[in-house]
Amino acid sequence: MTDALEEQNAALRAAVTERHQSAMAASIAGCPPAQAAAAAVLADTPSIPVDYILRAEAELKTSRAEGWKQVVKDAEPARMARAGTTAKFGTGAVRSDTFEQFRYDLVSPIGLREVARACAEGAAKYSDYNWERGMPVHDLLNHAIAHVYQYLAGDRGEAHLGHAAWNLLAAIHSEELWPHLNAGHLRGPRCEAPTG
């Protein structure tokens, strides 16, 4: 989320006072279940302007379903105009673009299956989550490279590519979460030798 959007959301949260939240809770209590659920989402959604929440609150108090639908429909252009949302579907549905920098839908399910197979083999041999006790990047890379070379040498007796991929993913995990295990064991800028 961008800093501007975070500031905007923080300002909207501040604008919805305790009195308005109490009134919303009271109006939700008297609504049919579907409207109550929608109102609860609106009450907790800082990206919808306060005036729309207040209009929804007034409509819900009188239980006018058509008025409620209009409030939500009126709020859509304001939500779409905000940074961080994108019109995605021909139906008019809008979804945050928060995950556009991560394209999980482009990851190969076949590749993931082989990584999962490597996970299952490791768990059976060493126990679940054994690796999360901590493994340094240099060791994980060594194993990944060894599996790649075994595959390149023609060895098909083991799922070497899945094991290599698992080791690379674990190396990414290690680099981010366990810097203390990696300090002094990896080459530095300009391929400087490790100090450890």
Protein backbone atom coordinates (compact mmCIF):
# COMPACT_ATOMS: atom_id res chain seq x y z
CA MET A 1 0.00 0.00 0.00
CA THR A 2 1.38 3.44 -0.88
CA ASP A 3 2.14 6.01 1.80
CA ALA A 4 -0.49 8.35 0.35
CA LEU A 5 -3.15 5.63 0.52
CA GLU A 6 -2.13 4.72 4.07
CA GLU A 7 -2.42 8.40 5.07
CA GLN A 8 -5.79 8.64 3.35
CA ASN A 9 -7.04 5.51 5.11
CA ALA A 10 -5.75 6.77 8.47
CA ALA A 11 -7.57 10.08 7.94
CA LEU A 12 -10.80 8.25 7.11
CA ARG A 13 -10.47 6.07 10.20
CA ALA A 14 -10.01 9.18 12.33
CA ALA A 15 -13.06 10.79 10.71
CA VAL A 16 -15.36 7.95 11.73
CA THR A 17 -15.92 8.89 15.35
CA GLU A 18 -16.88 6.63 18.23
CA ARG A 19 -20.44 7.97 18.03
CA HIS A 20 -20.77 6.97 14.38
CA GLN A 21 -19.36 3.53 15.06
CA SER A 22 -21.82 3.05 17.92
CA ALA A 23 -24.69 4.19 15.71
CA MET A 24 -23.57 1.77 12.98
CA ALA A 25 -23.43 -1.08 15.48
CA ALA A 26 -26.93 -0.24 16.69
CA SER A 27 -28.26 -0.09 13.12
CA ILE A 28 -26.61 -3.40 12.25
CA ALA A 29 -28.30 -5.08 15.21
CA GLY A 30 -31.78 -4.39 13.74
CA CYS A 31 -30.98 -5.44 10.15
CA PRO A 32 -31.66 -8.65 8.27
CA PRO A 33 -28.53 -10.88 8.30
CA ALA A 34 -27.39 -10.06 4.74
CA GLN A 35 -27.61 -6.31 5.31
CA ALA A 36 -25.96 -6.63 8.71
CA ALA A 37 -23.01 -8.46 7.17
CA ALA A 38 -22.65 -5.84 4.44
CA ALA A 39 -22.91 -3.03 6.99
CA ALA A 40 -20.26 -4.65 9.16
CA VAL A 41 -17.90 -4.73 6.17
CA LEU A 42 -18.63 -1.07 5.48
CA ALA A 43 -18.01 -0.16 9.11
CA ASP A 44 -14.55 -1.75 9.03
CA THR A 45 -13.57 -0.55 5.54
CA PRO A 46 -11.57 2.66 5.83
CA SER A 47 -11.38 3.11 2.05
CA ILE A 48 -15.07 4.10 1.83
CA PRO A 49 -15.67 7.80 2.53
CA VAL A 50 -17.33 8.67 5.81
CA ASP A 51 -20.32 10.34 4.13
CA TYR A 52 -21.14 7.06 2.39
CA ILE A 53 -20.94 5.21 5.70
CA LEU A 54 -23.25 7.75 7.29
CA ARG A 55 -25.70 7.47 4.39
CA ALA A 56 -25.59 3.68 4.67
CA GLU A 57 -26.19 4.00 8.40
CA ALA A 58 -29.29 6.16 7.81
CA GLU A 59 -30.60 3.79 5.16
CA LEU A 60 -30.05 0.77 7.36
CA LYS A 61 -31.89 2.37 10.26
CA THR A 62 -35.01 2.52 8.11
CA SER A 63 -34.27 -0.94 6.62
CA ARG A 64 -34.78 0.20 3.06
CA ALA A 65 -32.95 -2.42 0.99
CA GLU A 66 -33.13 -0.45 -2.25
CA GLY A 67 -31.65 2.60 -0.55
CA TRP A 68 -28.82 0.44 0.78
CA LYS A 69 -28.04 -0.90 -2.69
CA GLN A 70 -27.94 2.67 -4.03
CA VAL A 71 -25.53 3.78 -1.30
CA VAL A 72 -23.13 0.99 -2.20
CA LYS A 73 -23.53 1.72 -5.92
CA ASP A 74 -22.87 5.44 -5.34
CA ALA A 75 -19.74 4.63 -3.35
CA GLU A 76 -18.15 2.62 -6.19
CA PRO A 77 -16.91 5.57 -8.32
CA ALA A 78 -15.24 7.09 -5.25
CA ARG A 79 -13.59 3.77 -4.40
CA MET A 80 -12.47 3.18 -7.99
CA ALA A 81 -10.90 6.64 -8.17
CA ARG A 82 -8.68 5.90 -5.18
CA ALA A 83 -5.15 4.64 -5.66
CA GLY A 84 -4.85 0.96 -4.85
CA THR A 85 -8.08 -0.18 -6.49
CA THR A 86 -8.59 -1.26 -10.07
CA ALA A 87 -11.69 -2.20 -12.02
CA LYS A 88 -11.01 -5.83 -12.80
CA PHE A 89 -14.19 -7.51 -13.90
CA GLY A 90 -16.86 -6.90 -16.52
CA THR A 91 -19.44 -7.28 -13.79
CA GLY A 92 -18.35 -3.97 -12.27
CA ALA A 93 -16.67 -5.67 -9.31
CA VAL A 94 -13.59 -3.88 -8.04
CA ARG A 95 -10.60 -5.41 -6.36
CA SER A 96 -7.46 -4.01 -4.78
CA ASP A 97 -4.33 -4.21 -6.89
CA THR A 98 -2.21 -4.82 -3.77
CA PHE A 99 -0.99 -8.18 -5.07
CA GLU A 100 -0.31 -7.15 -8.67
CA GLN A 101 3.42 -7.13 -7.92
CA PHE A 102 3.11 -10.80 -6.97
CA ARG A 103 1.72 -12.95 -9.79
CA TYR A 104 0.97 -16.19 -7.98
CA ASP A 105 -1.27 -17.14 -10.88
CA LEU A 106 1.82 -17.42 -13.12
CA VAL A 107 3.65 -19.91 -10.87
CA SER A 108 3.74 -23.38 -12.39
CA PRO A 109 1.51 -25.83 -10.52
CA ILE A 110 3.71 -28.64 -11.85
CA GLY A 111 6.82 -27.00 -10.38
CA LEU A 112 5.02 -26.43 -7.07
CA ARG A 113 3.93 -30.06 -7.05
CA GLU A 114 7.59 -31.12 -7.28
CA VAL A 115 8.58 -28.72 -4.50
CA ALA A 116 5.75 -30.15 -2.38
CA ARG A 117 7.03 -33.65 -3.16
CA ALA A 118 10.50 -32.60 -1.93
CA CYS A 119 8.84 -31.18 1.22
CA ALA A 120 7.06 -34.48 1.85
CA GLU A 121 10.28 -36.48 1.38
CA GLY A 122 12.18 -34.16 3.72
CA ALA A 123 9.43 -34.28 6.34
CA ALA A 124 9.36 -38.08 6.23
CA LYS A 125 13.13 -38.27 6.56
CA TYR A 126 13.85 -35.44 9.04
CA SER A 127 10.40 -34.39 10.49
CA ASP A 128 8.02 -31.57 9.67
CA TYR A 129 9.56 -28.10 9.93
CA ASN A 130 13.01 -29.49 10.69
CA TRP A 131 14.49 -27.07 8.16
CA GLU A 132 12.88 -24.10 9.94
CA ARG A 133 15.24 -24.61 12.85
CA GLY A 134 17.64 -22.76 10.57
CA MET A 135 19.80 -23.56 7.58
CA PRO A 136 22.35 -21.15 6.14
CA VAL A 137 22.09 -19.95 2.54
CA HIS A 138 25.50 -21.34 1.53
CA ASP A 139 24.48 -24.89 2.51
CA LEU A 140 21.12 -24.62 0.76
CA LEU A 141 22.75 -23.29 -2.40
CA ASN A 142 25.32 -26.07 -2.32
CA HIS A 143 22.55 -28.67 -2.22
CA ALA A 144 20.54 -26.87 -4.94
CA ILE A 145 23.56 -26.78 -7.25
CA ALA A 146 24.38 -30.42 -6.51
CA HIS A 147 20.82 -31.44 -7.49
CA VAL A 148 21.05 -29.41 -10.71
CA TYR A 149 24.33 -31.08 -11.65
CA GLN A 150 22.97 -34.53 -10.81
CA TYR A 151 20.06 -33.82 -13.14
CA LEU A 152 22.41 -32.51 -15.85
CA ALA A 153 24.52 -35.66 -15.48
CA GLY A 154 21.47 -37.72 -16.44
CA ASP A 155 20.46 -38.98 -12.99
CA ARG A 156 16.68 -39.36 -13.04
CA GLY A 157 16.50 -41.65 -10.00
CA GLU A 158 15.42 -38.74 -7.80
CA ALA A 159 13.33 -35.61 -8.45
CA HIS A 160 16.46 -33.43 -8.58
CA LEU A 161 14.80 -30.36 -10.06
CA GLY A 162 12.12 -30.32 -7.35
CA HIS A 163 14.82 -30.69 -4.68
CA ALA A 164 16.91 -27.93 -6.30
CA ALA A 165 13.86 -25.63 -6.37
CA TRP A 166 13.07 -26.43 -2.73
CA ASN A 167 16.63 -25.55 -1.71
CA LEU A 168 16.45 -22.25 -3.62
CA LEU A 169 13.15 -21.35 -1.92
CA ALA A 170 14.63 -22.27 1.46
CA ALA A 171 17.69 -20.12 0.66
CA ILE A 172 15.40 -17.12 0.02
CA HIS A 173 13.68 -17.86 3.35
CA SER A 174 17.02 -18.14 5.13
CA GLU A 175 18.37 -14.92 3.65
CA GLU A 176 15.35 -12.98 4.84
CA LEU A 177 14.78 -14.55 8.26
CA TRP A 178 18.16 -15.77 9.47
CA PRO A 179 20.82 -13.15 8.68
CA HIS A 180 22.79 -14.35 11.72
CA LEU A 181 23.25 -17.76 10.07
CA ASN A 182 24.51 -16.18 6.88
CA ALA A 183 26.79 -13.42 8.13
CA GLY A 184 30.35 -14.10 7.05
CA HIS A 185 29.44 -17.15 4.94
CA LEU A 186 28.45 -15.51 1.65
CA ARG A 187 30.53 -13.63 -0.88
CA GLY A 188 30.30 -9.86 -0.73
CA PRO A 189 30.28 -7.16 -3.39
CA ARG A 190 32.74 -7.75 -6.26
CA CYS A 191 32.81 -11.44 -5.29
CA GLU A 192 34.81 -10.84 -2.09
CA ALA A 193 35.52 -14.04 -0.18
CA PRO A 194 33.41 -14.75 2.90
CA THR A 195 34.92 -13.63 6.20
CA GLY A 196 33.54 -16.47 8.35
